[in-house]
Amino acid sequence: MELATMQRAAVEELGQITARIQDRLVRTAEEIIGVGVDLIRAKELLPHGEFSDWVARQFELSHRSANLFMAAARRFGPQVEGVASLPAGALLELSSPSVP
């Protein structure tokens, strides 16, 4: 169904849904980067070799996942607006050291 033929209420509701999703996508990117920043700091505070176990115990995250969050913080932290519309998985994958 085209927007032109939809009822005004449906068009307005779709506009609200769009705005909420866009807001959540920005927050998702910010939250991913925020988790990465916190993980970086936790790693600095923990004794050498304890980080992976701590992450697994506290959050049931793999070491690889934790590294992706931290890489996202390092790579995109200052420029979150530029990646805010990316899906969370894409943001994390683009943070991988193998991606130029």
PDB file of N, CA and C in Angstrom:
ATOM      1  N   MET A   1       0.844  -1.176   0.000  1.00  0.00           N
ATOM      2  CA  MET A   1       0.000   0.000   0.000  1.00  0.00           C
ATOM      3  C   MET A   1       0.892   1.242   0.000  1.00  0.00           C
ATOM      4  N   GLU A   2       0.578   2.182  -0.854  1.00  0.00           N
ATOM      5  CA  GLU A   2       1.366   3.405  -0.943  1.00  0.00           C
ATOM      6  C   GLU A   2       0.957   4.381   0.155  1.00  0.00           C
ATOM      7  N   LEU A   3       1.913   5.233   0.558  1.00  0.00           N
ATOM      8  CA  LEU A   3       1.622   6.220   1.594  1.00  0.00           C
ATOM      9  C   LEU A   3       0.483   7.150   1.191  1.00  0.00           C
ATOM     10  N   ALA A   4       0.382   7.449  -0.078  1.00  0.00           N
ATOM     11  CA  ALA A   4      -0.652   8.376  -0.546  1.00  0.00           C
ATOM     12  C   ALA A   4      -2.055   7.822  -0.309  1.00  0.00           C
ATOM     13  N   THR A   5      -2.202   6.509  -0.311  1.00  0.00           N
ATOM     14  CA  THR A   5      -3.528   5.922  -0.148  1.00  0.00           C
ATOM     15  C   THR A   5      -3.808   5.493   1.292  1.00  0.00           C
ATOM     16  N   MET A   6      -2.848   5.635   2.171  1.00  0.00           N
ATOM     17  CA  MET A   6      -3.045   5.252   3.564  1.00  0.00           C
ATOM     18  C   MET A   6      -3.811   6.324   4.316  1.00  0.00           C
ATOM     19  N   GLN A   7      -4.451   5.932   5.374  1.00  0.00           N
ATOM     20  CA  GLN A   7      -5.157   6.883   6.210  1.00  0.00           C
ATOM     21  C   GLN A   7      -4.156   7.784   6.919  1.00  0.00           C
ATOM     22  N   ARG A   8      -4.593   8.992   7.168  1.00  0.00           N
ATOM     23  CA  ARG A   8      -3.728   9.984   7.821  1.00  0.00           C
ATOM     24  C   ARG A   8      -3.187   9.453   9.155  1.00  0.00           C
ATOM     25  N   ALA A   9      -4.001   8.795   9.947  1.00  0.00           N
ATOM     26  CA  ALA A   9      -3.559   8.274  11.246  1.00  0.00           C
ATOM     27  C   ALA A   9      -2.433   7.260  11.078  1.00  0.00           C
ATOM     28  N   ALA A  10      -2.546   6.410  10.058  1.00  0.00           N
ATOM     29  CA  ALA A  10      -1.498   5.418   9.815  1.00  0.00           C
ATOM     30  C   ALA A  10      -0.204   6.100   9.396  1.00  0.00           C
ATOM     31  N   VAL A  11      -0.299   7.110   8.557  1.00  0.00           N
ATOM     32  CA  VAL A  11       0.887   7.853   8.114  1.00  0.00           C
ATOM     33  C   VAL A  11       1.541   8.538   9.306  1.00  0.00           C
ATOM     34  N   GLU A  12       0.735   9.142  10.162  1.00  0.00           N
ATOM     35  CA  GLU A  12       1.284   9.808  11.349  1.00  0.00           C
ATOM     36  C   GLU A  12       1.948   8.807  12.285  1.00  0.00           C
ATOM     37  N   GLU A  13       1.302   7.654  12.470  1.00  0.00           N
ATOM     38  CA  GLU A  13       1.890   6.639  13.344  1.00  0.00           C
ATOM     39  C   GLU A  13       3.189   6.107  12.769  1.00  0.00           C
ATOM     40  N   LEU A  14       3.250   5.907  11.470  1.00  0.00           N
ATOM     41  CA  LEU A  14       4.498   5.476  10.843  1.00  0.00           C
ATOM     42  C   LEU A  14       5.596   6.513  11.029  1.00  0.00           C
ATOM     43  N   GLY A  15       5.253   7.778  10.982  1.00  0.00           N
ATOM     44  CA  GLY A  15       6.226   8.832  11.235  1.00  0.00           C
ATOM     45  C   GLY A  15       6.765   8.756  12.656  1.00  0.00           C
ATOM     46  N   GLN A  16       5.890   8.471  13.604  1.00  0.00           N
ATOM     47  CA  GLN A  16       6.309   8.330  15.004  1.00  0.00           C
ATOM     48  C   GLN A  16       7.197   7.096  15.185  1.00  0.00           C
ATOM     49  N   ILE A  17       6.803   6.016  14.531  1.00  0.00           N
ATOM     50  CA  ILE A  17       7.606   4.787  14.605  1.00  0.00           C
ATOM     51  C   ILE A  17       8.993   5.034  14.025  1.00  0.00           C
ATOM     52  N   THR A  18       9.042   5.702  12.879  1.00  0.00           N
ATOM     53  CA  THR A  18      10.323   6.025  12.247  1.00  0.00           C
ATOM     54  C   THR A  18      11.202   6.839  13.185  1.00  0.00           C
ATOM     55  N   ALA A  19      10.637   7.848  13.815  1.00  0.00           N
ATOM     56  CA  ALA A  19      11.397   8.702  14.732  1.00  0.00           C
ATOM     57  C   ALA A  19      11.926   7.893  15.917  1.00  0.00           C
ATOM     58  N   ARG A  20      11.094   7.012  16.466  1.00  0.00           N
ATOM     59  CA  ARG A  20      11.532   6.191  17.609  1.00  0.00           C
ATOM     60  C   ARG A  20      12.660   5.250  17.206  1.00  0.00           C
ATOM     61  N   ILE A  21      12.528   4.629  16.056  1.00  0.00           N
ATOM     62  CA  ILE A  21      13.569   3.701  15.603  1.00  0.00           C
ATOM     63  C   ILE A  21      14.878   4.445  15.355  1.00  0.00           C
ATOM     64  N   GLN A  22      14.800   5.593  14.709  1.00  0.00           N
ATOM     65  CA  GLN A  22      16.017   6.377  14.460  1.00  0.00           C
ATOM     66  C   GLN A  22      16.679   6.769  15.770  1.00  0.00           C
ATOM     67  N   ASP A  23      15.883   7.179  16.753  1.00  0.00           N
ATOM     68  CA  ASP A  23      16.418   7.544  18.065  1.00  0.00           C
ATOM     69  C   ASP A  23      17.075   6.341  18.731  1.00  0.00           C
ATOM     70  N   ARG A  24      16.437   5.189  18.635  1.00  0.00           N
ATOM     71  CA  ARG A  24      16.994   3.986  19.249  1.00  0.00           C
ATOM     72  C   ARG A  24      18.270   3.534  18.560  1.00  0.00           C
ATOM     73  N   LEU A  25      18.324   3.686  17.247  1.00  0.00           N
ATOM     74  CA  LEU A  25      19.547   3.317  16.535  1.00  0.00           C
ATOM     75  C   LEU A  25      20.717   4.184  16.985  1.00  0.00           C
ATOM     76  N   VAL A  26      20.484   5.471  17.174  1.00  0.00           N
ATOM     77  CA  VAL A  26      21.545   6.359  17.664  1.00  0.00           C
ATOM     78  C   VAL A  26      21.962   5.929  19.067  1.00  0.00           C
ATOM     79  N   ARG A  27      20.968   5.646  19.909  1.00  0.00           N
ATOM     80  CA  ARG A  27      21.287   5.224  21.280  1.00  0.00           C
ATOM     81  C   ARG A  27      22.020   3.890  21.275  1.00  0.00           C
ATOM     82  N   THR A  28      21.651   2.994  20.358  1.00  0.00           N
ATOM     83  CA  THR A  28      22.323   1.697  20.283  1.00  0.00           C
ATOM     84  C   THR A  28      23.802   1.891  19.990  1.00  0.00           C
ATOM     85  N   ALA A  29      24.121   2.720  19.024  1.00  0.00           N
ATOM     86  CA  ALA A  29      25.526   2.986  18.704  1.00  0.00           C
ATOM     87  C   ALA A  29      26.231   3.616  19.903  1.00  0.00           C
ATOM     88  N   GLU A  30      25.572   4.571  20.543  1.00  0.00           N
ATOM     89  CA  GLU A  30      26.168   5.215  21.714  1.00  0.00           C
ATOM     90  C   GLU A  30      26.362   4.216  22.845  1.00  0.00           C
ATOM     91  N   GLU A  31      25.408   3.320  23.036  1.00  0.00           N
ATOM     92  CA  GLU A  31      25.508   2.323  24.096  1.00  0.00           C
ATOM     93  C   GLU A  31      26.621   1.321  23.812  1.00  0.00           C
ATOM     94  N   ILE A  32      26.743   0.892  22.584  1.00  0.00           N
ATOM     95  CA  ILE A  32      27.826  -0.030  22.217  1.00  0.00           C
ATOM     96  C   ILE A  32      29.173   0.613  22.513  1.00  0.00           C
ATOM     97  N   ILE A  33      29.321   1.847  22.110  1.00  0.00           N
ATOM     98  CA  ILE A  33      30.579   2.558  22.346  1.00  0.00           C
ATOM     99  C   ILE A  33      30.793   2.776  23.837  1.00  0.00           C
ATOM    100  N   GLY A  34      29.713   3.085  24.561  1.00  0.00           N
ATOM    101  CA  GLY A  34      29.815   3.250  26.018  1.00  0.00           C
ATOM    102  C   GLY A  34      30.248   1.967  26.711  1.00  0.00           C
ATOM    103  N   VAL A  35      29.699   0.832  26.281  1.00  0.00           N
ATOM    104  CA  VAL A  35      30.118  -0.461  26.832  1.00  0.00           C
ATOM    105  C   VAL A  35      31.601  -0.669  26.550  1.00  0.00           C
ATOM    106  N   GLY A  36      32.015  -0.342  25.350  1.00  0.00           N
ATOM    107  CA  GLY A  36      33.431  -0.488  24.999  1.00  0.00           C
ATOM    108  C   GLY A  36      34.341   0.356  25.865  1.00  0.00           C
ATOM    109  N   VAL A  37      33.939   1.597  26.111  1.00  0.00           N
ATOM    110  CA  VAL A  37      34.727   2.493  26.969  1.00  0.00           C
ATOM    111  C   VAL A  37      34.846   1.898  28.379  1.00  0.00           C
ATOM    112  N   ASP A  38      33.729   1.408  28.903  1.00  0.00           N
ATOM    113  CA  ASP A  38      33.760   0.818  30.241  1.00  0.00           C
ATOM    114  C   ASP A  38      34.610  -0.452  30.283  1.00  0.00           C
ATOM    115  N   LEU A  39      34.533  -1.259  29.250  1.00  0.00           N
ATOM    116  CA  LEU A  39      35.353  -2.471  29.217  1.00  0.00           C
ATOM    117  C   LEU A  39      36.839  -2.132  29.150  1.00  0.00           C
ATOM    118  N   ILE A  40      37.177  -1.102  28.384  1.00  0.00           N
ATOM    119  CA  ILE A  40      38.580  -0.667  28.309  1.00  0.00           C
ATOM    120  C   ILE A  40      39.073  -0.277  29.701  1.00  0.00           C
ATOM    121  N   ARG A  41      38.268   0.477  30.418  1.00  0.00           N
ATOM    122  CA  ARG A  41      38.666   0.915  31.761  1.00  0.00           C
ATOM    123  C   ARG A  41      38.763  -0.274  32.721  1.00  0.00           C
ATOM    124  N   ALA A  42      37.795  -1.197  32.640  1.00  0.00           N
ATOM    125  CA  ALA A  42      37.833  -2.377  33.507  1.00  0.00           C
ATOM    126  C   ALA A  42      39.098  -3.190  33.256  1.00  0.00           C
ATOM    127  N   LYS A  43      39.460  -3.313  31.995  1.00  0.00           N
ATOM    128  CA  LYS A  43      40.666  -4.072  31.644  1.00  0.00           C
ATOM    129  C   LYS A  43      41.898  -3.423  32.252  1.00  0.00           C
ATOM    130  N   GLU A  44      41.916  -2.097  32.273  1.00  0.00           N
ATOM    131  CA  GLU A  44      43.043  -1.376  32.883  1.00  0.00           C
ATOM    132  C   GLU A  44      43.108  -1.626  34.391  1.00  0.00           C
ATOM    133  N   LEU A  45      41.947  -1.770  35.027  1.00  0.00           N
ATOM    134  CA  LEU A  45      41.892  -1.934  36.475  1.00  0.00           C
ATOM    135  C   LEU A  45      42.190  -3.354  36.945  1.00  0.00           C
ATOM    136  N   LEU A  46      41.879  -4.327  36.115  1.00  0.00           N
ATOM    137  CA  LEU A  46      42.048  -5.722  36.514  1.00  0.00           C
ATOM    138  C   LEU A  46      43.511  -6.163  36.377  1.00  0.00           C
ATOM    139  N   PRO A  47      43.918  -7.117  37.224  1.00  0.00           N
ATOM    140  CA  PRO A  47      45.268  -7.670  37.075  1.00  0.00           C
ATOM    141  C   PRO A  47      45.419  -8.347  35.709  1.00  0.00           C
ATOM    142  N   HIS A  48      46.639  -8.387  35.218  1.00  0.00           N
ATOM    143  CA  HIS A  48      46.920  -8.995  33.916  1.00  0.00           C
ATOM    144  C   HIS A  48      46.383 -10.428  33.871  1.00  0.00           C
ATOM    145  N   GLY A  49      45.665 -10.741  32.792  1.00  0.00           N
ATOM    146  CA  GLY A  49      45.152 -12.083  32.599  1.00  0.00           C
ATOM    147  C   GLY A  49      43.785 -12.350  33.214  1.00  0.00           C
ATOM    148  N   GLU A  50      43.226 -11.391  33.922  1.00  0.00           N
ATOM    149  CA  GLU A  50      41.946 -11.589  34.598  1.00  0.00           C
ATOM    150  C   GLU A  50      40.748 -11.076  33.806  1.00  0.00           C
ATOM    151  N   PHE A  51      40.984 -10.304  32.787  1.00  0.00           N
ATOM    152  CA  PHE A  51      39.891  -9.630  32.072  1.00  0.00           C
ATOM    153  C   PHE A  51      38.903 -10.604  31.442  1.00  0.00           C
ATOM    154  N   SER A  52      39.382 -11.581  30.709  1.00  0.00           N
ATOM    155  CA  SER A  52      38.493 -12.517  30.013  1.00  0.00           C
ATOM    156  C   SER A  52      37.581 -13.258  30.981  1.00  0.00           C
ATOM    157  N   ASP A  53      38.144 -13.722  32.086  1.00  0.00           N
ATOM    158  CA  ASP A  53      37.329 -14.420  33.078  1.00  0.00           C
ATOM    159  C   ASP A  53      36.300 -13.485  33.699  1.00  0.00           C
ATOM    160  N   TRP A  54      36.706 -12.269  33.992  1.00  0.00           N
ATOM    161  CA  TRP A  54      35.786 -11.283  34.584  1.00  0.00           C
ATOM    162  C   TRP A  54      34.625 -10.998  33.638  1.00  0.00           C
ATOM    163  N   VAL A  55      34.927 -10.783  32.358  1.00  0.00           N
ATOM    164  CA  VAL A  55      33.882 -10.508  31.361  1.00  0.00           C
ATOM    165  C   VAL A  55      32.930 -11.697  31.250  1.00  0.00           C
ATOM    166  N   ALA A  56      33.471 -12.885  31.214  1.00  0.00           N
ATOM    167  CA  ALA A  56      32.628 -14.079  31.099  1.00  0.00           C
ATOM    168  C   ALA A  56      31.739 -14.247  32.327  1.00  0.00           C
ATOM    169  N   ARG A  57      32.299 -14.027  33.498  1.00  0.00           N
ATOM    170  CA  ARG A  57      31.538 -14.174  34.747  1.00  0.00           C
ATOM    171  C   ARG A  57      30.455 -13.110  34.893  1.00  0.00           C
ATOM    172  N   GLN A  58      30.810 -11.874  34.635  1.00  0.00           N
ATOM    173  CA  GLN A  58      29.891 -10.757  34.887  1.00  0.00           C
ATOM    174  C   GLN A  58      28.821 -10.609  33.821  1.00  0.00           C
ATOM    175  N   PHE A  59      29.166 -10.887  32.570  1.00  0.00           N
ATOM    176  CA  PHE A  59      28.261 -10.547  31.466  1.00  0.00           C
ATOM    177  C   PHE A  59      27.978 -11.705  30.516  1.00  0.00           C
ATOM    178  N   GLU A  60      28.622 -12.846  30.739  1.00  0.00           N
ATOM    179  CA  GLU A  60      28.502 -13.978  29.824  1.00  0.00           C
ATOM    180  C   GLU A  60      28.858 -13.570  28.392  1.00  0.00           C
ATOM    181  N   LEU A  61      29.877 -12.723  28.277  1.00  0.00           N
ATOM    182  CA  LEU A  61      30.396 -12.290  26.984  1.00  0.00           C
ATOM    183  C   LEU A  61      31.668 -13.062  26.681  1.00  0.00           C
ATOM    184  N   SER A  62      31.860 -13.370  25.426  1.00  0.00           N
ATOM    185  CA  SER A  62      33.126 -13.986  25.028  1.00  0.00           C
ATOM    186  C   SER A  62      34.212 -12.916  24.982  1.00  0.00           C
ATOM    187  N   HIS A  63      35.437 -13.369  24.997  1.00  0.00           N
ATOM    188  CA  HIS A  63      36.566 -12.441  24.885  1.00  0.00           C
ATOM    189  C   HIS A  63      36.491 -11.694  23.550  1.00  0.00           C
ATOM    190  N   ARG A  64      36.103 -12.411  22.498  1.00  0.00           N
ATOM    191  CA  ARG A  64      35.983 -11.789  21.169  1.00  0.00           C
ATOM    192  C   ARG A  64      34.934 -10.673  21.182  1.00  0.00           C
ATOM    193  N   SER A  65      33.787 -10.927  21.798  1.00  0.00           N
ATOM    194  CA  SER A  65      32.745  -9.898  21.856  1.00  0.00           C
ATOM    195  C   SER A  65      33.222  -8.675  22.624  1.00  0.00           C
ATOM    196  N   ALA A  66      33.876  -8.911  23.748  1.00  0.00           N
ATOM    197  CA  ALA A  66      34.409  -7.791  24.530  1.00  0.00           C
ATOM    198  C   ALA A  66      35.399  -6.993  23.695  1.00  0.00           C
ATOM    199  N   ASN A  67      36.243  -7.686  22.958  1.00  0.00           N
ATOM    200  CA  ASN A  67      37.212  -6.996  22.109  1.00  0.00           C
ATOM    201  C   ASN A  67      36.526  -6.163  21.028  1.00  0.00           C
ATOM    202  N   LEU A  68      35.412  -6.660  20.486  1.00  0.00           N
ATOM    203  CA  LEU A  68      34.680  -5.889  19.475  1.00  0.00           C
ATOM    204  C   LEU A  68      34.076  -4.614  20.067  1.00  0.00           C
ATOM    205  N   PHE A  69      33.524  -4.711  21.267  1.00  0.00           N
ATOM    206  CA  PHE A  69      32.996  -3.517  21.930  1.00  0.00           C
ATOM    207  C   PHE A  69      34.111  -2.496  22.161  1.00  0.00           C
ATOM    208  N   MET A  70      35.251  -2.973  22.633  1.00  0.00           N
ATOM    209  CA  MET A  70      36.366  -2.059  22.891  1.00  0.00           C
ATOM    210  C   MET A  70      36.896  -1.463  21.596  1.00  0.00           C
ATOM    211  N   ALA A  71      36.949  -2.262  20.545  1.00  0.00           N
ATOM    212  CA  ALA A  71      37.405  -1.751  19.250  1.00  0.00           C
ATOM    213  C   ALA A  71      36.439  -0.694  18.725  1.00  0.00           C
ATOM    214  N   ALA A  72      35.140  -0.895  18.930  1.00  0.00           N
ATOM    215  CA  ALA A  72      34.148   0.109  18.507  1.00  0.00           C
ATOM    216  C   ALA A  72      34.378   1.414  19.241  1.00  0.00           C
ATOM    217  N   ALA A  73      34.667   1.330  20.527  1.00  0.00           N
ATOM    218  CA  ALA A  73      34.932   2.547  21.308  1.00  0.00           C
ATOM    219  C   ALA A  73      36.175   3.263  20.808  1.00  0.00           C
ATOM    220  N   ARG A  74      37.208   2.494  20.509  1.00  0.00           N
ATOM    221  CA  ARG A  74      38.446   3.113  20.021  1.00  0.00           C
ATOM    222  C   ARG A  74      38.275   3.729  18.632  1.00  0.00           C
ATOM    223  N   ARG A  75      37.572   3.014  17.775  1.00  0.00           N
ATOM    224  CA  ARG A  75      37.457   3.449  16.385  1.00  0.00           C
ATOM    225  C   ARG A  75      36.419   4.545  16.179  1.00  0.00           C
ATOM    226  N   PHE A  76      35.259   4.411  16.816  1.00  0.00           N
ATOM    227  CA  PHE A  76      34.146   5.311  16.513  1.00  0.00           C
ATOM    228  C   PHE A  76      33.732   6.228  17.662  1.00  0.00           C
ATOM    229  N   GLY A  77      34.348   6.100  18.809  1.00  0.00           N
ATOM    230  CA  GLY A  77      33.941   6.883  19.973  1.00  0.00           C
ATOM    231  C   GLY A  77      33.731   8.353  19.701  1.00  0.00           C
ATOM    232  N   PRO A  78      34.709   9.033  19.149  1.00  0.00           N
ATOM    233  CA  PRO A  78      34.556  10.474  18.917  1.00  0.00           C
ATOM    234  C   PRO A  78      33.571  10.813  17.798  1.00  0.00           C
ATOM    235  N   GLN A  79      33.242   9.863  16.959  1.00  0.00           N
ATOM    236  CA  GLN A  79      32.409  10.163  15.792  1.00  0.00           C
ATOM    237  C   GLN A  79      31.175   9.284  15.721  1.00  0.00           C
ATOM    238  N   VAL A  80      30.500   9.106  16.850  1.00  0.00           N
ATOM    239  CA  VAL A  80      29.344   8.219  16.910  1.00  0.00           C
ATOM    240  C   VAL A  80      28.235   8.643  15.954  1.00  0.00           C
ATOM    241  N   GLU A  81      28.101   9.923  15.691  1.00  0.00           N
ATOM    242  CA  GLU A  81      27.049  10.385  14.780  1.00  0.00           C
ATOM    243  C   GLU A  81      27.220   9.793  13.385  1.00  0.00           C
ATOM    244  N   GLY A  82      28.446   9.568  12.983  1.00  0.00           N
ATOM    245  CA  GLY A  82      28.717   9.036  11.650  1.00  0.00           C
ATOM    246  C   GLY A  82      28.336   7.579  11.478  1.00  0.00           C
ATOM    247  N   VAL A  83      28.196   6.858  12.584  1.00  0.00           N
ATOM    248  CA  VAL A  83      27.852   5.441  12.506  1.00  0.00           C
ATOM    249  C   VAL A  83      26.545   5.117  13.212  1.00  0.00           C
ATOM    250  N   ALA A  84      25.854   6.134  13.658  1.00  0.00           N
ATOM    251  CA  ALA A  84      24.657   5.938  14.475  1.00  0.00           C
ATOM    252  C   ALA A  84      23.553   5.178  13.759  1.00  0.00           C
ATOM    253  N   SER A  85      23.486   5.265  12.457  1.00  0.00           N
ATOM    254  CA  SER A  85      22.396   4.604  11.737  1.00  0.00           C
ATOM    255  C   SER A  85      22.722   3.164  11.368  1.00  0.00           C
ATOM    256  N   LEU A  86      23.925   2.714  11.677  1.00  0.00           N
ATOM    257  CA  LEU A  86      24.288   1.334  11.359  1.00  0.00           C
ATOM    258  C   LEU A  86      23.662   0.367  12.355  1.00  0.00           C
ATOM    259  N   PRO A  87      23.279  -0.803  11.887  1.00  0.00           N
ATOM    260  CA  PRO A  87      22.827  -1.837  12.824  1.00  0.00           C
ATOM    261  C   PRO A  87      23.965  -2.215  13.768  1.00  0.00           C
ATOM    262  N   ALA A  88      23.615  -2.668  14.958  1.00  0.00           N
ATOM    263  CA  ALA A  88      24.620  -2.989  15.973  1.00  0.00           C
ATOM    264  C   ALA A  88      25.652  -3.989  15.459  1.00  0.00           C
ATOM    265  N   GLY A  89      25.198  -5.023  14.784  1.00  0.00           N
ATOM    266  CA  GLY A  89      26.131  -6.024  14.269  1.00  0.00           C
ATOM    267  C   GLY A  89      27.112  -5.446  13.278  1.00  0.00           C
ATOM    268  N   ALA A  90      26.632  -4.560  12.423  1.00  0.00           N
ATOM    269  CA  ALA A  90      27.518  -3.936  11.435  1.00  0.00           C
ATOM    270  C   ALA A  90      28.539  -3.043  12.122  1.00  0.00           C
ATOM    271  N   LEU A  91      28.099  -2.300  13.123  1.00  0.00           N
ATOM    272  CA  LEU A  91      29.011  -1.426  13.865  1.00  0.00           C
ATOM    273  C   LEU A  91      30.121  -2.253  14.508  1.00  0.00           C
ATOM    274  N   LEU A  92      29.747  -3.354  15.124  1.00  0.00           N
ATOM    275  CA  LEU A  92      30.751  -4.197  15.770  1.00  0.00           C
ATOM    276  C   LEU A  92      31.687  -4.841  14.757  1.00  0.00           C
ATOM    277  N   GLU A  93      31.141  -5.316  13.646  1.00  0.00           N
ATOM    278  CA  GLU A  93      31.987  -5.936  12.629  1.00  0.00           C
ATOM    279  C   GLU A  93      32.941  -4.928  11.997  1.00  0.00           C
ATOM    280  N   LEU A  94      32.481  -3.705  11.786  1.00  0.00           N
ATOM    281  CA  LEU A  94      33.351  -2.662  11.213  1.00  0.00           C
ATOM    282  C   LEU A  94      34.467  -2.280  12.193  1.00  0.00           C
ATOM    283  N   SER A  95      34.284  -2.614  13.449  1.00  0.00           N
ATOM    284  CA  SER A  95      35.283  -2.309  14.473  1.00  0.00           C
ATOM    285  C   SER A  95      36.408  -3.324  14.491  1.00  0.00           C
ATOM    286  N   SER A  96      36.215  -4.432  13.819  1.00  0.00           N
ATOM    287  CA  SER A  96      37.207  -5.495  13.809  1.00  0.00           C
ATOM    288  C   SER A  96      38.541  -4.975  13.268  1.00  0.00           C
ATOM    289  N   PRO A  97      39.632  -5.385  13.892  1.00  0.00           N
ATOM    290  CA  PRO A  97      40.942  -4.945  13.422  1.00  0.00           C
ATOM    291  C   PRO A  97      41.232  -5.337  11.967  1.00  0.00           C
ATOM    292  N   SER A  98      40.532  -6.358  11.467  1.00  0.00           N
ATOM    293  CA  SER A  98      40.781  -6.784  10.081  1.00  0.00           C
ATOM    294  C   SER A  98      40.120  -5.867   9.062  1.00  0.00           C
ATOM    295  N   VAL A  99      39.270  -4.943   9.514  1.00  0.00           N
ATOM    296  CA  VAL A  99      38.600  -4.009   8.603  1.00  0.00           C
ATOM    297  C   VAL A  99      39.412  -2.724   8.551  1.00  0.00           C
ATOM    298  N   PRO A 100      39.837  -2.324   7.344  1.00  0.00           N
ATOM    299  CA  PRO A 100      40.657  -1.105   7.244  1.00  0.00           C
ATOM    300  C   PRO A 100      39.853   0.152   7.542  1.00  0.00           C
TER     301      PRO A 100
END
